[in-house]
Amino acid sequence: MKLYYFPLSTYAQKVLIALYEKNIEFASELVDLRDDQQRAEYRKLYPLGKVPLLVLNDGHMIPESTIIIEYLDNLDPDVRRLIPEDAVRGRQTRFHDRMYDLYLNESVANLIFEGWKPEAKRNQKLIDNANFRIGVMYDYMSKQLADRTWTMGDQFTLADCAAAPPLFYANDVAPFDAHPNIGTYWQRLSMRPSVQKVLKEIKPYLNDIR
């Protein structure tokens, strides 16, 4: 398998965490979407131009981070799953994955992108909406994590793969100091070997966004 990705992409980081959790071997192809030529070349393979993209040995392409992890989870039933097989817990895990992607990840990304712009050109409505959604998510997560090690309890899941990348960036644009349950959760996440490996890989690129 080959994974096309860019290290700073939260969705690529999400898939990398899953790959490292499962100790799955894969080839990697870094695509710097900031480079016009690389972006144009990549679109010849995948016209939407989004990362990550998993390409199987037979050429079949699997896009979208959650779908990639679903595929990885079914490769070997004997390997610990990131999506519980129990129907109810599986649905709840997918729900939290969507919440983290749509309302935490996207909102944190919007704050970062708007922060790069001159103040006069920032979209204040977008910023206000992002801060509102992050606030709702923080309140929800604080209650959810009050008596849990991970999002779903004792088991590290797809949901935690989705939560780690935006929480890392949130330290800069939406600190969660007032939410100690999220803070201790992030400490556990940041000590997870799979997450540490991803953070180490993105470190050389952080000066580009900070």
C-alpha atoms as a PDB file:
ATOM      1  CA  MET A   1       0.000   0.000   0.000  1.00  0.00           C
ATOM      2  CA  LYS A   2       1.051   3.586  -0.569  1.00  0.00           C
ATOM      3  CA  LEU A   3      -0.210   6.561   1.410  1.00  0.00           C
ATOM      4  CA  TYR A   4      -0.216   9.957  -0.263  1.00  0.00           C
ATOM      5  CA  TYR A   5      -0.148  12.592   2.435  1.00  0.00           C
ATOM      6  CA  PHE A   6       1.156  15.924   3.683  1.00  0.00           C
ATOM      7  CA  PRO A   7       2.526  15.942   7.269  1.00  0.00           C
ATOM      8  CA  LEU A   8       0.668  19.086   8.377  1.00  0.00           C
ATOM      9  CA  SER A   9      -2.718  17.736   7.263  1.00  0.00           C
ATOM     10  CA  THR A  10      -4.790  16.788  10.290  1.00  0.00           C
ATOM     11  CA  TYR A  11      -6.607  14.139   8.282  1.00  0.00           C
ATOM     12  CA  ALA A  12      -3.312  12.620   7.150  1.00  0.00           C
ATOM     13  CA  GLN A  13      -2.138  12.618  10.763  1.00  0.00           C
ATOM     14  CA  LYS A  14      -5.332  10.821  11.752  1.00  0.00           C
ATOM     15  CA  VAL A  15      -4.614   8.002   9.290  1.00  0.00           C
ATOM     16  CA  LEU A  16      -0.940   7.822  10.266  1.00  0.00           C
ATOM     17  CA  ILE A  17      -1.928   7.352  13.909  1.00  0.00           C
ATOM     18  CA  ALA A  18      -4.157   4.442  12.878  1.00  0.00           C
ATOM     19  CA  LEU A  19      -1.411   2.878  10.749  1.00  0.00           C
ATOM     20  CA  TYR A  20       1.074   3.128  13.611  1.00  0.00           C
ATOM     21  CA  GLU A  21      -1.440   1.779  16.124  1.00  0.00           C
ATOM     22  CA  LYS A  22      -1.885  -1.283  13.932  1.00  0.00           C
ATOM     23  CA  ASN A  23       1.796  -1.610  12.946  1.00  0.00           C
ATOM     24  CA  ILE A  24       0.818  -1.816   9.283  1.00  0.00           C
ATOM     25  CA  GLU A  25       3.636  -1.497   6.772  1.00  0.00           C
ATOM     26  CA  PHE A  26       3.090   1.014   3.991  1.00  0.00           C
ATOM     27  CA  ALA A  27       4.980   3.115   1.486  1.00  0.00           C
ATOM     28  CA  SER A  28       4.604   6.861   1.794  1.00  0.00           C
ATOM     29  CA  GLU A  29       4.436   9.579  -0.840  1.00  0.00           C
ATOM     30  CA  LEU A  30       4.648  13.127   0.485  1.00  0.00           C
ATOM     31  CA  VAL A  31       2.555  15.623  -1.467  1.00  0.00           C
ATOM     32  CA  ASP A  32       3.169  19.277  -0.646  1.00  0.00           C
ATOM     33  CA  LEU A  33      -0.144  20.808  -1.634  1.00  0.00           C
ATOM     34  CA  ARG A  34       1.362  24.276  -1.194  1.00  0.00           C
ATOM     35  CA  ASP A  35       3.474  23.668  -4.300  1.00  0.00           C
ATOM     36  CA  ASP A  36       1.595  24.340  -7.551  1.00  0.00           C
ATOM     37  CA  GLN A  37       3.514  21.736  -9.546  1.00  0.00           C
ATOM     38  CA  GLN A  38       3.138  18.987  -6.955  1.00  0.00           C
ATOM     39  CA  ARG A  39      -0.553  19.774  -6.590  1.00  0.00           C
ATOM     40  CA  ALA A  40      -1.070  19.617 -10.349  1.00  0.00           C
ATOM     41  CA  GLU A  41       0.772  16.306 -10.621  1.00  0.00           C
ATOM     42  CA  TYR A  42      -1.187  14.830  -7.742  1.00  0.00           C
ATOM     43  CA  ARG A  43      -4.483  15.828  -9.334  1.00  0.00           C
ATOM     44  CA  LYS A  44      -3.607  13.665 -12.309  1.00  0.00           C
ATOM     45  CA  LEU A  45      -3.884  10.744  -9.895  1.00  0.00           C
ATOM     46  CA  TYR A  46      -6.719  12.066  -7.732  1.00  0.00           C
ATOM     47  CA  PRO A  47      -8.589  14.977  -9.339  1.00  0.00           C
ATOM     48  CA  LEU A  48      -9.999  16.306  -6.058  1.00  0.00           C
ATOM     49  CA  GLY A  49      -6.445  16.849  -4.890  1.00  0.00           C
ATOM     50  CA  LYS A  50      -7.156  16.029  -1.251  1.00  0.00           C
ATOM     51  CA  VAL A  51      -4.970  14.062   1.140  1.00  0.00           C
ATOM     52  CA  PRO A  52      -4.707  11.483   2.509  1.00  0.00           C
ATOM     53  CA  LEU A  53      -5.189   8.917  -0.219  1.00  0.00           C
ATOM     54  CA  LEU A  54      -4.431   5.217   0.172  1.00  0.00           C
ATOM     55  CA  VAL A  55      -3.545   3.363  -3.020  1.00  0.00           C
ATOM     56  CA  LEU A  56      -3.605  -0.419  -2.834  1.00  0.00           C
ATOM     57  CA  ASN A  57      -1.165  -2.687  -4.644  1.00  0.00           C
ATOM     58  CA  ASP A  58      -3.741  -3.369  -7.373  1.00  0.00           C
ATOM     59  CA  GLY A  59      -4.171   0.374  -7.962  1.00  0.00           C
ATOM     60  CA  HIS A  60      -7.506   0.704  -6.159  1.00  0.00           C
ATOM     61  CA  MET A  61      -7.744   4.099  -4.439  1.00  0.00           C
ATOM     62  CA  ILE A  62      -9.298   4.745  -1.045  1.00  0.00           C
ATOM     63  CA  PRO A  63      -9.734   8.441  -0.112  1.00  0.00           C
ATOM     64  CA  GLU A  64     -11.109  10.095   3.046  1.00  0.00           C
ATOM     65  CA  SER A  65      -9.487   9.469   6.418  1.00  0.00           C
ATOM     66  CA  THR A  66     -12.395   7.689   8.104  1.00  0.00           C
ATOM     67  CA  ILE A  67     -12.944   5.372   5.132  1.00  0.00           C
ATOM     68  CA  ILE A  68      -9.229   4.564   5.011  1.00  0.00           C
ATOM     69  CA  ILE A  69      -9.262   3.603   8.690  1.00  0.00           C
ATOM     70  CA  GLU A  70     -12.407   1.515   8.159  1.00  0.00           C
ATOM     71  CA  TYR A  71     -10.509  -0.357   5.440  1.00  0.00           C
ATOM     72  CA  LEU A  72      -7.450  -0.842   7.654  1.00  0.00           C
ATOM     73  CA  ASP A  73      -9.647  -2.115  10.471  1.00  0.00           C
ATOM     74  CA  ASN A  74     -10.932  -4.945   8.293  1.00  0.00           C
ATOM     75  CA  LEU A  75      -7.577  -6.084   6.926  1.00  0.00           C
ATOM     76  CA  ASP A  76      -6.951  -8.530   9.761  1.00  0.00           C
ATOM     77  CA  PRO A  77      -9.697  -9.459  12.240  1.00  0.00           C
ATOM     78  CA  ASP A  78      -7.071 -10.683  14.705  1.00  0.00           C
ATOM     79  CA  VAL A  79      -5.510  -7.225  15.070  1.00  0.00           C
ATOM     80  CA  ARG A  80      -7.052  -4.963  17.725  1.00  0.00           C
ATOM     81  CA  ARG A  81      -9.801  -2.944  16.087  1.00  0.00           C
ATOM     82  CA  LEU A  82     -10.150   0.835  16.154  1.00  0.00           C
ATOM     83  CA  ILE A  83     -13.890   0.553  15.480  1.00  0.00           C
ATOM     84  CA  PRO A  84     -15.603  -1.840  17.903  1.00  0.00           C
ATOM     85  CA  GLU A  85     -17.378  -4.769  16.297  1.00  0.00           C
ATOM     86  CA  ASP A  86     -20.347  -4.308  18.615  1.00  0.00           C
ATOM     87  CA  ALA A  87     -22.965  -2.464  16.572  1.00  0.00           C
ATOM     88  CA  VAL A  88     -23.868   0.104  19.234  1.00  0.00           C
ATOM     89  CA  ARG A  89     -20.287   0.902  20.264  1.00  0.00           C
ATOM     90  CA  GLY A  90     -19.263   0.974  16.618  1.00  0.00           C
ATOM     91  CA  ARG A  91     -21.972   3.525  15.853  1.00  0.00           C
ATOM     92  CA  GLN A  92     -21.004   5.629  18.871  1.00  0.00           C
ATOM     93  CA  THR A  93     -17.360   5.567  17.816  1.00  0.00           C
ATOM     94  CA  ARG A  94     -18.259   6.728  14.315  1.00  0.00           C
ATOM     95  CA  PHE A  95     -20.433   9.456  15.806  1.00  0.00           C
ATOM     96  CA  HIS A  96     -17.558  10.845  17.847  1.00  0.00           C
ATOM     97  CA  ASP A  97     -15.272  10.609  14.836  1.00  0.00           C
ATOM     98  CA  ARG A  98     -17.685  12.764  12.834  1.00  0.00           C
ATOM     99  CA  MET A  99     -18.086  15.254  15.678  1.00  0.00           C
ATOM    100  CA  TYR A 100     -14.326  15.662  16.010  1.00  0.00           C
ATOM    101  CA  ASP A 101     -13.826  16.002  12.255  1.00  0.00           C
ATOM    102  CA  LEU A 102     -16.722  18.323  11.470  1.00  0.00           C
ATOM    103  CA  TYR A 103     -16.928  20.556  14.526  1.00  0.00           C
ATOM    104  CA  LEU A 104     -13.490  20.481  16.176  1.00  0.00           C
ATOM    105  CA  ASN A 105     -11.031  19.829  13.368  1.00  0.00           C
ATOM    106  CA  GLU A 106     -12.668  22.055  10.781  1.00  0.00           C
ATOM    107  CA  SER A 107     -13.208  24.864  13.287  1.00  0.00           C
ATOM    108  CA  VAL A 108      -9.593  24.800  14.489  1.00  0.00           C
ATOM    109  CA  ALA A 109      -8.429  24.804  10.857  1.00  0.00           C
ATOM    110  CA  ASN A 110     -10.610  27.824  10.095  1.00  0.00           C
ATOM    111  CA  LEU A 111      -9.086  29.753  12.989  1.00  0.00           C
ATOM    112  CA  ILE A 112      -5.586  28.908  11.772  1.00  0.00           C
ATOM    113  CA  PHE A 113      -6.278  29.907   8.164  1.00  0.00           C
ATOM    114  CA  GLU A 114      -8.037  33.119   9.125  1.00  0.00           C
ATOM    115  CA  GLY A 115      -5.210  33.957  11.503  1.00  0.00           C
ATOM    116  CA  TRP A 116      -2.768  33.946   8.606  1.00  0.00           C
ATOM    117  CA  LYS A 117      -4.666  36.736   6.881  1.00  0.00           C
ATOM    118  CA  PRO A 118      -4.223  40.454   7.564  1.00  0.00           C
ATOM    119  CA  GLU A 119      -6.727  41.442  10.233  1.00  0.00           C
ATOM    120  CA  ALA A 120      -8.744  43.596   7.836  1.00  0.00           C
ATOM    121  CA  LYS A 121      -9.294  40.628   5.506  1.00  0.00           C
ATOM    122  CA  ARG A 122     -10.369  38.087   8.106  1.00  0.00           C
ATOM    123  CA  ASN A 123     -13.855  36.595   7.935  1.00  0.00           C
ATOM    124  CA  GLN A 124     -15.191  37.497  11.367  1.00  0.00           C
ATOM    125  CA  LYS A 125     -18.405  35.519  10.870  1.00  0.00           C
ATOM    126  CA  LEU A 126     -16.372  32.394  10.126  1.00  0.00           C
ATOM    127  CA  ILE A 127     -14.166  33.043  13.152  1.00  0.00           C
ATOM    128  CA  ASP A 128     -17.171  33.543  15.453  1.00  0.00           C
ATOM    129  CA  ASN A 129     -18.804  30.356  14.175  1.00  0.00           C
ATOM    130  CA  ALA A 130     -15.575  28.405  14.660  1.00  0.00           C
ATOM    131  CA  ASN A 131     -15.181  29.665  18.235  1.00  0.00           C
ATOM    132  CA  PHE A 132     -18.819  28.823  18.980  1.00  0.00           C
ATOM    133  CA  ARG A 133     -18.452  25.256  17.700  1.00  0.00           C
ATOM    134  CA  ILE A 134     -15.172  24.743  19.537  1.00  0.00           C
ATOM    135  CA  GLY A 135     -16.817  25.983  22.741  1.00  0.00           C
ATOM    136  CA  VAL A 136     -19.685  23.516  22.315  1.00  0.00           C
ATOM    137  CA  MET A 137     -17.241  20.703  21.630  1.00  0.00           C
ATOM    138  CA  TYR A 138     -15.074  21.566  24.625  1.00  0.00           C
ATOM    139  CA  ASP A 139     -18.083  21.551  26.943  1.00  0.00           C
ATOM    140  CA  TYR A 140     -19.216  18.212  25.535  1.00  0.00           C
ATOM    141  CA  MET A 141     -15.755  16.657  25.686  1.00  0.00           C
ATOM    142  CA  SER A 142     -15.218  17.839  29.260  1.00  0.00           C
ATOM    143  CA  LYS A 143     -18.301  15.915  30.369  1.00  0.00           C
ATOM    144  CA  GLN A 144     -17.541  12.925  28.137  1.00  0.00           C
ATOM    145  CA  LEU A 145     -13.977  12.553  29.428  1.00  0.00           C
ATOM    146  CA  ALA A 146     -14.740  13.119  33.117  1.00  0.00           C
ATOM    147  CA  ASP A 147     -14.460   9.412  33.949  1.00  0.00           C
ATOM    148  CA  ARG A 148     -12.888   7.962  30.799  1.00  0.00           C
ATOM    149  CA  THR A 149      -9.336   7.287  29.671  1.00  0.00           C
ATOM    150  CA  TRP A 150     -10.235   7.562  25.987  1.00  0.00           C
ATOM    151  CA  THR A 151     -13.283   8.816  24.137  1.00  0.00           C
ATOM    152  CA  MET A 152     -15.016   5.438  24.256  1.00  0.00           C
ATOM    153  CA  GLY A 153     -13.713   4.387  27.649  1.00  0.00           C
ATOM    154  CA  ASP A 154     -10.724   2.088  28.109  1.00  0.00           C
ATOM    155  CA  GLN A 155     -10.294   1.323  24.389  1.00  0.00           C
ATOM    156  CA  PHE A 156      -8.323   3.612  22.066  1.00  0.00           C
ATOM    157  CA  THR A 157     -10.430   3.987  18.925  1.00  0.00           C
ATOM    158  CA  LEU A 158     -10.982   5.770  15.637  1.00  0.00           C
ATOM    159  CA  ALA A 159     -12.434   8.664  17.639  1.00  0.00           C
ATOM    160  CA  ASP A 160      -9.127   9.224  19.443  1.00  0.00           C
ATOM    161  CA  CYS A 161      -7.263   9.106  16.115  1.00  0.00           C
ATOM    162  CA  ALA A 162      -9.579  11.932  14.998  1.00  0.00           C
ATOM    163  CA  ALA A 163      -9.246  13.978  18.203  1.00  0.00           C
ATOM    164  CA  ALA A 164      -5.460  14.087  18.503  1.00  0.00           C
ATOM    165  CA  PRO A 165      -4.530  16.257  15.459  1.00  0.00           C
ATOM    166  CA  PRO A 166      -6.940  19.159  16.070  1.00  0.00           C
ATOM    167  CA  LEU A 167      -6.169  19.196  19.796  1.00  0.00           C
ATOM    168  CA  PHE A 168      -2.479  19.605  18.978  1.00  0.00           C
ATOM    169  CA  TYR A 169      -3.164  22.680  16.841  1.00  0.00           C
ATOM    170  CA  ALA A 170      -5.796  23.952  19.282  1.00  0.00           C
ATOM    171  CA  ASN A 171      -3.027  24.662  21.784  1.00  0.00           C
ATOM    172  CA  ASP A 172      -2.221  27.725  19.664  1.00  0.00           C
ATOM    173  CA  VAL A 173      -5.608  29.009  18.490  1.00  0.00           C
ATOM    174  CA  ALA A 174      -8.176  27.715  20.990  1.00  0.00           C
ATOM    175  CA  PRO A 175      -6.466  26.729  24.268  1.00  0.00           C
ATOM    176  CA  PHE A 176      -8.393  24.360  26.499  1.00  0.00           C
ATOM    177  CA  ASP A 177      -6.811  25.526  29.783  1.00  0.00           C
ATOM    178  CA  ALA A 178     -10.247  26.033  31.324  1.00  0.00           C
ATOM    179  CA  HIS A 179     -11.159  22.405  30.575  1.00  0.00           C
ATOM    180  CA  PRO A 180      -8.889  20.198  32.731  1.00  0.00           C
ATOM    181  CA  ASN A 181     -10.498  16.958  31.551  1.00  0.00           C
ATOM    182  CA  ILE A 182      -9.483  17.798  27.986  1.00  0.00           C
ATOM    183  CA  GLY A 183      -6.031  18.793  29.197  1.00  0.00           C
ATOM    184  CA  THR A 184      -5.405  15.452  30.886  1.00  0.00           C
ATOM    185  CA  TYR A 185      -6.868  13.649  27.870  1.00  0.00           C
ATOM    186  CA  TRP A 186      -4.467  15.503  25.595  1.00  0.00           C
ATOM    187  CA  GLN A 187      -1.566  14.573  27.896  1.00  0.00           C
ATOM    188  CA  ARG A 188      -2.489  10.908  27.537  1.00  0.00           C
ATOM    189  CA  LEU A 189      -2.862  11.293  23.778  1.00  0.00           C
ATOM    190  CA  SER A 190       0.475  13.072  23.404  1.00  0.00           C
ATOM    191  CA  MET A 191       2.230  10.244  25.263  1.00  0.00           C
ATOM    192  CA  ARG A 192       0.727   7.565  23.026  1.00  0.00           C
ATOM    193  CA  PRO A 193       3.599   6.109  20.885  1.00  0.00           C
ATOM    194  CA  SER A 194       1.598   6.421  17.657  1.00  0.00           C
ATOM    195  CA  VAL A 195       0.829  10.081  18.352  1.00  0.00           C
ATOM    196  CA  GLN A 196       4.394  10.825  19.448  1.00  0.00           C
ATOM    197  CA  LYS A 197       5.656   9.379  16.170  1.00  0.00           C
ATOM    198  CA  VAL A 198       3.332  11.646  14.164  1.00  0.00           C
ATOM    199  CA  LEU A 199       4.275  14.716  16.203  1.00  0.00           C
ATOM    200  CA  LYS A 200       7.939  13.981  15.605  1.00  0.00           C
ATOM    201  CA  GLU A 201       7.339  13.745  11.849  1.00  0.00           C
ATOM    202  CA  ILE A 202       5.520  17.081  11.635  1.00  0.00           C
ATOM    203  CA  LYS A 203       7.980  19.015  13.811  1.00  0.00           C
ATOM    204  CA  PRO A 204      10.219  20.113  10.868  1.00  0.00           C
ATOM    205  CA  TYR A 205       7.188  21.696   9.178  1.00  0.00           C
ATOM    206  CA  LEU A 206       5.777  23.633  12.131  1.00  0.00           C
ATOM    207  CA  ASN A 207       7.800  26.772  11.477  1.00  0.00           C
ATOM    208  CA  ASP A 208       5.791  27.160   8.276  1.00  0.00           C
ATOM    209  CA  ILE A 209       2.559  27.722  10.192  1.00  0.00           C
ATOM    210  CA  ARG A 210       3.703  29.342  13.431  1.00  0.00           C
END
